[in-house]
Each structure stands twice: as C-alpha cells, then as structure tokens.
PDB file of all heavy atoms in Angstrom:
ATOM      1  N   ALA A   1      83.654  93.671  70.102  1.00  0.00           N
ATOM      2  CA  ALA A   1      84.935  93.640  69.283  1.00  0.00           C
ATOM      3  C   ALA A   1      84.731  93.050  68.010  1.00  0.00           C
ATOM      4  O   ALA A   1      85.608  93.038  67.083  1.00  0.00           O
ATOM      5  CB  ALA A   1      85.967  92.734  70.036  1.00  0.00           C
ATOM      6  N   GLY A   2      83.376  92.797  67.596  1.00  0.00           N
ATOM      7  CA  GLY A   2      83.052  92.314  66.289  1.00  0.00           C
ATOM      8  C   GLY A   2      83.131  90.765  66.114  1.00  0.00           C
ATOM      9  O   GLY A   2      83.026  90.337  64.992  1.00  0.00           O
ATOM     10  N   ASN A   3      83.301  89.994  67.252  1.00  0.00           N
ATOM     11  CA  ASN A   3      83.390  88.622  67.146  1.00  0.00           C
ATOM     12  C   ASN A   3      82.032  87.933  67.342  1.00  0.00           C
ATOM     13  O   ASN A   3      81.138  88.450  68.022  1.00  0.00           O
ATOM     14  CB  ASN A   3      84.314  88.048  68.273  1.00  0.00           C
ATOM     15  CG  ASN A   3      85.700  88.713  68.167  1.00  0.00           C
ATOM     16  OD1 ASN A   3      86.364  88.591  67.173  1.00  0.00           O
ATOM     17  ND2 ASN A   3      86.215  89.158  69.330  1.00  0.00           N
ATOM     18  N   PRO A   4      81.743  86.820  66.672  1.00  0.00           N
ATOM     19  CA  PRO A   4      80.449  86.252  66.819  1.00  0.00           C
ATOM     20  C   PRO A   4      80.205  85.700  68.240  1.00  0.00           C
ATOM     21  O   PRO A   4      81.075  85.207  68.746  1.00  0.00           O
ATOM     22  CB  PRO A   4      80.439  85.023  65.757  1.00  0.00           C
ATOM     23  CG  PRO A   4      82.029  84.719  65.677  1.00  0.00           C
ATOM     24  CD  PRO A   4      82.693  86.076  65.810  1.00  0.00           C
ATOM     25  N   VAL A   5      78.953  85.881  68.738  1.00  0.00           N
ATOM     26  CA  VAL A   5      78.605  85.375  69.938  1.00  0.00           C
ATOM     27  C   VAL A   5      77.914  84.095  69.885  1.00  0.00           C
ATOM     28  O   VAL A   5      77.707  83.462  68.737  1.00  0.00           O
ATOM     29  CB  VAL A   5      77.596  86.420  70.560  1.00  0.00           C
ATOM     30  CG1 VAL A   5      78.180  87.741  70.902  1.00  0.00           C
ATOM     31  CG2 VAL A   5      76.283  86.565  69.891  1.00  0.00           C
ATOM     32  N   ARG A   6      77.582  83.383  70.985  1.00  0.00           N
ATOM     33  CA  ARG A   6      76.989  82.070  71.013  1.00  0.00           C
ATOM     34  C   ARG A   6      75.790  82.110  70.096  1.00  0.00           C
ATOM     35  O   ARG A   6      74.945  82.964  70.234  1.00  0.00           O
ATOM     36  CB  ARG A   6      76.596  81.747  72.346  1.00  0.00           C
ATOM     37  CG  ARG A   6      76.199  80.287  72.493  1.00  0.00           C
ATOM     38  CD  ARG A   6      75.669  79.943  73.976  1.00  0.00           C
ATOM     39  NE  ARG A   6      76.733  80.196  74.945  1.00  0.00           N
ATOM     40  CZ  ARG A   6      76.826  81.103  75.780  1.00  0.00           C
ATOM     41  NH1 ARG A   6      75.827  81.937  76.000  1.00  0.00           N
ATOM     42  NH2 ARG A   6      77.877  81.158  76.694  1.00  0.00           N
ATOM     43  N   GLY A   7      75.559  81.083  69.233  1.00  0.00           N
ATOM     44  CA  GLY A   7      74.516  80.944  68.338  1.00  0.00           C
ATOM     45  C   GLY A   7      74.733  81.584  66.910  1.00  0.00           C
ATOM     46  O   GLY A   7      73.914  81.318  66.101  1.00  0.00           O
ATOM     47  N   ASN A   8      75.768  82.347  66.848  1.00  0.00           N
ATOM     48  CA  ASN A   8      76.111  82.909  65.481  1.00  0.00           C
ATOM     49  C   ASN A   8      77.120  82.004  64.750  1.00  0.00           C
ATOM     50  O   ASN A   8      78.290  82.031  65.041  1.00  0.00           O
ATOM     51  CB  ASN A   8      76.599  84.387  65.643  1.00  0.00           C
ATOM     52  CG  ASN A   8      77.109  84.933  64.264  1.00  0.00           C
ATOM     53  OD1 ASN A   8      76.847  84.309  63.303  1.00  0.00           O
ATOM     54  ND2 ASN A   8      77.699  86.099  64.334  1.00  0.00           N
ATOM     55  N   LYS A   9      76.636  81.143  63.902  1.00  0.00           N
ATOM     56  CA  LYS A   9      77.532  80.319  62.994  1.00  0.00           C
ATOM     57  C   LYS A   9      77.727  80.992  61.584  1.00  0.00           C
ATOM     58  O   LYS A   9      78.324  80.308  60.836  1.00  0.00           O
ATOM     59  CB  LYS A   9      76.881  78.962  62.865  1.00  0.00           C
ATOM     60  CG  LYS A   9      76.545  78.298  64.211  1.00  0.00           C
ATOM     61  CD  LYS A   9      77.786  77.999  65.072  1.00  0.00           C
ATOM     62  CE  LYS A   9      77.293  77.215  66.349  1.00  0.00           C
ATOM     63  NZ  LYS A   9      78.549  76.998  67.219  1.00  0.00           N
ATOM     64  N   ARG A  10      77.077  82.068  61.324  1.00  0.00           N
ATOM     65  CA  ARG A  10      77.170  82.668  60.055  1.00  0.00           C
ATOM     66  C   ARG A  10      78.571  83.152  59.739  1.00  0.00           C
ATOM     67  O   ARG A  10      79.011  83.014  58.579  1.00  0.00           O
ATOM     68  CB  ARG A  10      76.073  83.773  59.876  1.00  0.00           C
ATOM     69  CG  ARG A  10      75.999  84.323  58.456  1.00  0.00           C
ATOM     70  CD  ARG A  10      75.100  85.458  58.376  1.00  0.00           C
ATOM     71  NE  ARG A  10      74.833  85.856  56.885  1.00  0.00           N
ATOM     72  CZ  ARG A  10      75.631  86.492  56.163  1.00  0.00           C
ATOM     73  NH1 ARG A  10      76.847  86.939  56.553  1.00  0.00           N
ATOM     74  NH2 ARG A  10      75.372  86.830  54.902  1.00  0.00           N
ATOM     75  N   THR A  11      79.221  83.722  60.624  1.00  0.00           N
ATOM     76  CA  THR A  11      80.518  84.392  60.450  1.00  0.00           C
ATOM     77  C   THR A  11      81.489  83.426  59.950  1.00  0.00           C
ATOM     78  O   THR A  11      82.136  83.649  58.880  1.00  0.00           O
ATOM     79  CB  THR A  11      81.020  85.061  61.712  1.00  0.00           C
ATOM     80  OG1 THR A  11      80.134  85.973  62.248  1.00  0.00           O
ATOM     81  CG2 THR A  11      82.371  85.705  61.505  1.00  0.00           C
ATOM     82  N   ALA A  12      81.531  82.149  60.545  1.00  0.00           N
ATOM     83  CA  ALA A  12      82.491  81.055  60.101  1.00  0.00           C
ATOM     84  C   ALA A  12      82.047  80.631  58.693  1.00  0.00           C
ATOM     85  O   ALA A  12      82.932  80.359  57.877  1.00  0.00           O
ATOM     86  CB  ALA A  12      82.563  79.943  61.129  1.00  0.00           C
ATOM     87  N   CYS A  13      80.799  80.476  58.509  1.00  0.00           N
ATOM     88  CA  CYS A  13      80.255  80.006  57.221  1.00  0.00           C
ATOM     89  C   CYS A  13      80.616  80.968  56.057  1.00  0.00           C
ATOM     90  O   CYS A  13      81.081  80.635  55.019  1.00  0.00           O
ATOM     91  CB  CYS A  13      78.743  79.810  57.207  1.00  0.00           C
ATOM     92  SG  CYS A  13      78.054  79.223  55.681  1.00  0.00           S
ATOM     93  N   ALA A  14      80.354  82.267  56.329  1.00  0.00           N
ATOM     94  CA  ALA A  14      80.813  83.354  55.370  1.00  0.00           C
ATOM     95  C   ALA A  14      82.235  83.233  54.942  1.00  0.00           C
ATOM     96  O   ALA A  14      82.569  83.471  53.815  1.00  0.00           O
ATOM     97  CB  ALA A  14      80.347  84.644  55.817  1.00  0.00           C
ATOM     98  N   GLN A  15      83.060  83.028  56.028  1.00  0.00           N
ATOM     99  CA  GLN A  15      84.477  82.962  55.762  1.00  0.00           C
ATOM    100  C   GLN A  15      84.950  81.832  54.780  1.00  0.00           C
ATOM    101  O   GLN A  15      85.720  81.851  53.973  1.00  0.00           O
ATOM    102  CB  GLN A  15      85.347  82.908  57.044  1.00  0.00           C
ATOM    103  CG  GLN A  15      85.224  84.180  57.908  1.00  0.00           C
ATOM    104  CD  GLN A  15      85.825  83.994  59.297  1.00  0.00           C
ATOM    105  OE1 GLN A  15      86.032  82.892  59.788  1.00  0.00           O
ATOM    106  NE2 GLN A  15      85.855  85.078  59.956  1.00  0.00           N
ATOM    107  N   THR A  16      84.269  80.733  55.066  1.00  0.00           N
ATOM    108  CA  THR A  16      84.526  79.549  54.228  1.00  0.00           C
ATOM    109  C   THR A  16      84.026  79.745  52.819  1.00  0.00           C
ATOM    110  O   THR A  16      84.680  79.502  51.828  1.00  0.00           O
ATOM    111  CB  THR A  16      83.752  78.286  54.852  1.00  0.00           C
ATOM    112  OG1 THR A  16      84.326  78.043  56.119  1.00  0.00           O
ATOM    113  CG2 THR A  16      83.968  77.012  53.945  1.00  0.00           C
ATOM    114  N   ILE A  17      82.782  80.258  52.666  1.00  0.00           N
ATOM    115  CA  ILE A  17      82.165  80.473  51.420  1.00  0.00           C
ATOM    116  C   ILE A  17      83.009  81.468  50.572  1.00  0.00           C
ATOM    117  O   ILE A  17      83.211  81.238  49.262  1.00  0.00           O
ATOM    118  CB  ILE A  17      80.733  81.038  51.440  1.00  0.00           C
ATOM    119  CG1 ILE A  17      79.838  79.835  51.916  1.00  0.00           C
ATOM    120  CG2 ILE A  17      80.237  81.578  50.099  1.00  0.00           C
ATOM    121  CD1 ILE A  17      79.689  78.720  50.974  1.00  0.00           C
ATOM    122  N   ALA A  18      83.549  82.457  51.209  1.00  0.00           N
ATOM    123  CA  ALA A  18      84.334  83.487  50.584  1.00  0.00           C
ATOM    124  C   ALA A  18      85.649  82.918  49.836  1.00  0.00           C
ATOM    125  O   ALA A  18      86.103  83.413  48.825  1.00  0.00           O
ATOM    126  CB  ALA A  18      84.761  84.562  51.483  1.00  0.00           C
ATOM    127  N   LYS A  19      86.020  81.778  50.430  1.00  0.00           N
ATOM    128  CA  LYS A  19      87.287  81.167  49.843  1.00  0.00           C
ATOM    129  C   LYS A  19      87.061  80.451  48.608  1.00  0.00           C
ATOM    130  O   LYS A  19      87.935  80.153  47.786  1.00  0.00           O
ATOM    131  CB  LYS A  19      87.926  80.197  50.860  1.00  0.00           C
ATOM    132  CG  LYS A  19      88.480  80.823  52.162  1.00  0.00           C
ATOM    133  CD  LYS A  19      88.902  79.752  53.206  1.00  0.00           C
ATOM    134  CE  LYS A  19      89.367  80.419  54.458  1.00  0.00           C
ATOM    135  NZ  LYS A  19      89.717  79.335  55.386  1.00  0.00           N
ATOM    136  N   ILE A  20      85.802  79.982  48.393  1.00  0.00           N
ATOM    137  CA  ILE A  20      85.468  79.052  47.256  1.00  0.00           C
ATOM    138  C   ILE A  20      84.331  79.448  46.241  1.00  0.00           C
ATOM    139  O   ILE A  20      84.287  78.988  45.224  1.00  0.00           O
ATOM    140  CB  ILE A  20      85.022  77.719  47.867  1.00  0.00           C
ATOM    141  CG1 ILE A  20      83.690  77.797  48.607  1.00  0.00           C
ATOM    142  CG2 ILE A  20      85.978  77.087  48.783  1.00  0.00           C
ATOM    143  CD1 ILE A  20      83.031  76.540  48.963  1.00  0.00           C
ATOM    144  N   VAL A  21      83.648  80.536  46.654  1.00  0.00           N
ATOM    145  CA  VAL A  21      82.426  80.750  45.825  1.00  0.00           C
ATOM    146  C   VAL A  21      82.784  81.194  44.458  1.00  0.00           C
ATOM    147  O   VAL A  21      82.077  80.631  43.525  1.00  0.00           O
ATOM    148  CB  VAL A  21      81.634  81.864  46.560  1.00  0.00           C
ATOM    149  CG1 VAL A  21      82.274  83.274  46.551  1.00  0.00           C
ATOM    150  CG2 VAL A  21      80.278  82.044  45.913  1.00  0.00           C
ATOM    151  N   ASP A  22      83.823  81.992  44.214  1.00  0.00           N
ATOM    152  CA  ASP A  22      84.069  82.352  42.721  1.00  0.00           C
ATOM    153  C   ASP A  22      84.565  81.231  41.936  1.00  0.00           C
ATOM    154  O   ASP A  22      84.049  81.011  40.771  1.00  0.00           O
ATOM    155  CB  ASP A  22      85.152  83.391  42.757  1.00  0.00           C
ATOM    156  CG  ASP A  22      84.698  84.763  43.461  1.00  0.00           C
ATOM    157  OD1 ASP A  22      83.502  84.961  43.436  1.00  0.00           O
ATOM    158  OD2 ASP A  22      85.520  85.606  43.912  1.00  0.00           O
ATOM    159  N   GLU A  23      85.397  80.346  42.522  1.00  0.00           N
ATOM    160  CA  GLU A  23      85.864  79.246  41.695  1.00  0.00           C
ATOM    161  C   GLU A  23      84.892  78.051  41.483  1.00  0.00           C
ATOM    162  O   GLU A  23      84.750  77.477  40.509  1.00  0.00           O
ATOM    163  CB  GLU A  23      87.215  78.752  42.318  1.00  0.00           C
ATOM    164  CG  GLU A  23      87.804  77.562  41.500  1.00  0.00           C
ATOM    165  CD  GLU A  23      89.101  77.088  42.154  1.00  0.00           C
ATOM    166  OE1 GLU A  23      89.562  77.620  43.166  1.00  0.00           O
ATOM    167  OE2 GLU A  23      89.693  76.168  41.637  1.00  0.00           O
ATOM    168  N   HIS A  24      84.250  77.730  42.626  1.00  0.00           N
ATOM    169  CA  HIS A  24      83.414  76.478  42.684  1.00  0.00           C
ATOM    170  C   HIS A  24      81.875  76.742  42.524  1.00  0.00           C
ATOM    171  O   HIS A  24      81.154  75.801  42.310  1.00  0.00           O
ATOM    172  CB  HIS A  24      83.746  75.736  44.007  1.00  0.00           C
ATOM    173  CG  HIS A  24      85.090  75.275  44.055  1.00  0.00           C
ATOM    174  ND1 HIS A  24      85.562  74.109  43.517  1.00  0.00           N
ATOM    175  CD2 HIS A  24      86.154  75.830  44.688  1.00  0.00           C
ATOM    176  CE1 HIS A  24      86.901  73.899  43.715  1.00  0.00           C
ATOM    177  NE2 HIS A  24      87.297  74.934  44.487  1.00  0.00           N
ATOM    178  N   GLU A  25      81.435  77.911  42.806  1.00  0.00           N
ATOM    179  CA  GLU A  25      79.984  78.292  42.648  1.00  0.00           C
ATOM    180  C   GLU A  25      79.083  77.192  43.287  1.00  0.00           C
ATOM    181  O   GLU A  25      78.335  76.576  42.666  1.00  0.00           O
ATOM    182  CB  GLU A  25      79.589  78.404  41.118  1.00  0.00           C
ATOM    183  CG  GLU A  25      80.177  79.579  40.436  1.00  0.00           C
ATOM    184  CD  GLU A  25      79.723  79.728  38.955  1.00  0.00           C
ATOM    185  OE1 GLU A  25      78.829  78.949  38.619  1.00  0.00           O
ATOM    186  OE2 GLU A  25      80.365  80.558  38.224  1.00  0.00           O
ATOM    187  N   PRO A  26      79.181  77.142  44.563  1.00  0.00           N
ATOM    188  CA  PRO A  26      78.323  76.122  45.246  1.00  0.00           C
ATOM    189  C   PRO A  26      76.849  76.528  45.297  1.00  0.00           C
ATOM    190  O   PRO A  26      76.612  77.685  45.574  1.00  0.00           O
ATOM    191  CB  PRO A  26      78.888  76.099  46.679  1.00  0.00           C
ATOM    192  CG  PRO A  26      79.598  77.383  46.826  1.00  0.00           C
ATOM    193  CD  PRO A  26      80.034  77.784  45.581  1.00  0.00           C
ATOM    194  N   TRP A  27      75.972  75.613  45.027  1.00  0.00           N
ATOM    195  CA  TRP A  27      74.548  75.755  45.090  1.00  0.00           C
ATOM    196  C   TRP A  27      74.046  74.992  46.328  1.00  0.00           C
ATOM    197  O   TRP A  27      74.438  73.864  46.463  1.00  0.00           O
ATOM    198  CB  TRP A  27      73.851  75.313  43.764  1.00  0.00           C
ATOM    199  CG  TRP A  27      74.147  76.140  42.508  1.00  0.00           C
ATOM    200  CD1 TRP A  27      75.012  77.250  42.360  1.00  0.00           C
ATOM    201  CD2 TRP A  27      73.552  75.920  41.234  1.00  0.00           C
ATOM    202  NE1 TRP A  27      75.052  77.631  41.196  1.00  0.00           N
ATOM    203  CE2 TRP A  27      74.163  76.928  40.466  1.00  0.00           C
ATOM    204  CE3 TRP A  27      72.634  75.024  40.718  1.00  0.00           C
ATOM    205  CZ2 TRP A  27      73.804  76.992  39.012  1.00  0.00           C
ATOM    206  CZ3 TRP A  27      72.293  75.109  39.372  1.00  0.00           C
ATOM    207  CH2 TRP A  27      72.895  76.057  38.607  1.00  0.00           C
ATOM    208  N   PHE A  28      73.093  75.570  46.927  1.00  0.00           N
ATOM    209  CA  PHE A  28      72.464  74.837  48.132  1.00  0.00           C
ATOM    210  C   PHE A  28      70.956  75.024  48.054  1.00  0.00           C
ATOM    211  O   PHE A  28      70.353  76.081  47.719  1.00  0.00           O
ATOM    212  CB  PHE A  28      72.935  75.362  49.363  1.00  0.00           C
ATOM    213  CG  PHE A  28      74.503  75.318  49.607  1.00  0.00           C
ATOM    214  CD1 PHE A  28      75.210  76.437  49.296  1.00  0.00           C
ATOM    215  CD2 PHE A  28      75.107  74.212  50.071  1.00  0.00           C
ATOM    216  CE1 PHE A  28      76.702  76.388  49.398  1.00  0.00           C
ATOM    217  CE2 PHE A  28      76.503  74.057  50.085  1.00  0.00           C
ATOM    218  CZ  PHE A  28      77.235  75.184  49.853  1.00  0.00           C
ATOM    219  N   ALA A  29      70.280  73.939  48.522  1.00  0.00           N
ATOM    220  CA  ALA A  29      68.846  73.911  48.632  1.00  0.00           C
ATOM    221  C   ALA A  29      68.548  73.091  49.842  1.00  0.00           C
ATOM    222  O   ALA A  29      69.016  71.849  49.810  1.00  0.00           O
ATOM    223  CB  ALA A  29      68.071  73.524  47.418  1.00  0.00           C
ATOM    224  N   MET A  30      67.668  73.429  50.783  1.00  0.00           N
ATOM    225  CA  MET A  30      67.392  72.719  51.963  1.00  0.00           C
ATOM    226  C   MET A  30      65.944  72.261  52.086  1.00  0.00           C
ATOM    227  O   MET A  30      65.110  73.088  51.782  1.00  0.00           O
ATOM    228  CB  MET A  30      67.837  73.422  53.189  1.00  0.00           C
ATOM    229  CG  MET A  30      67.679  72.562  54.484  1.00  0.00           C
ATOM    230  SD  MET A  30      68.543  73.386  55.915  1.00  0.00           S
ATOM    231  CE  MET A  30      70.077  72.408  55.874  1.00  0.00           C
TER     232      MET A  30
END
C-alpha cells in the first residue's frame, strides 16, 4: 500500500524535512 515497513524511518523523516527545508535550510553532518 506504500506504507513504510519495520526499519524504514526515512518516510517520516522526509515528511518532516519537506515542511522546513526551503525556509530553514537545515545542514547535517554525522
């Protein structure tokens, strides 16, 4: 059905980033 399965945290992260990336331009380094 297109829903994330166990172990897939990317879908939720992508949704959060989509809300803020244009205005806030977050940079990350690990």
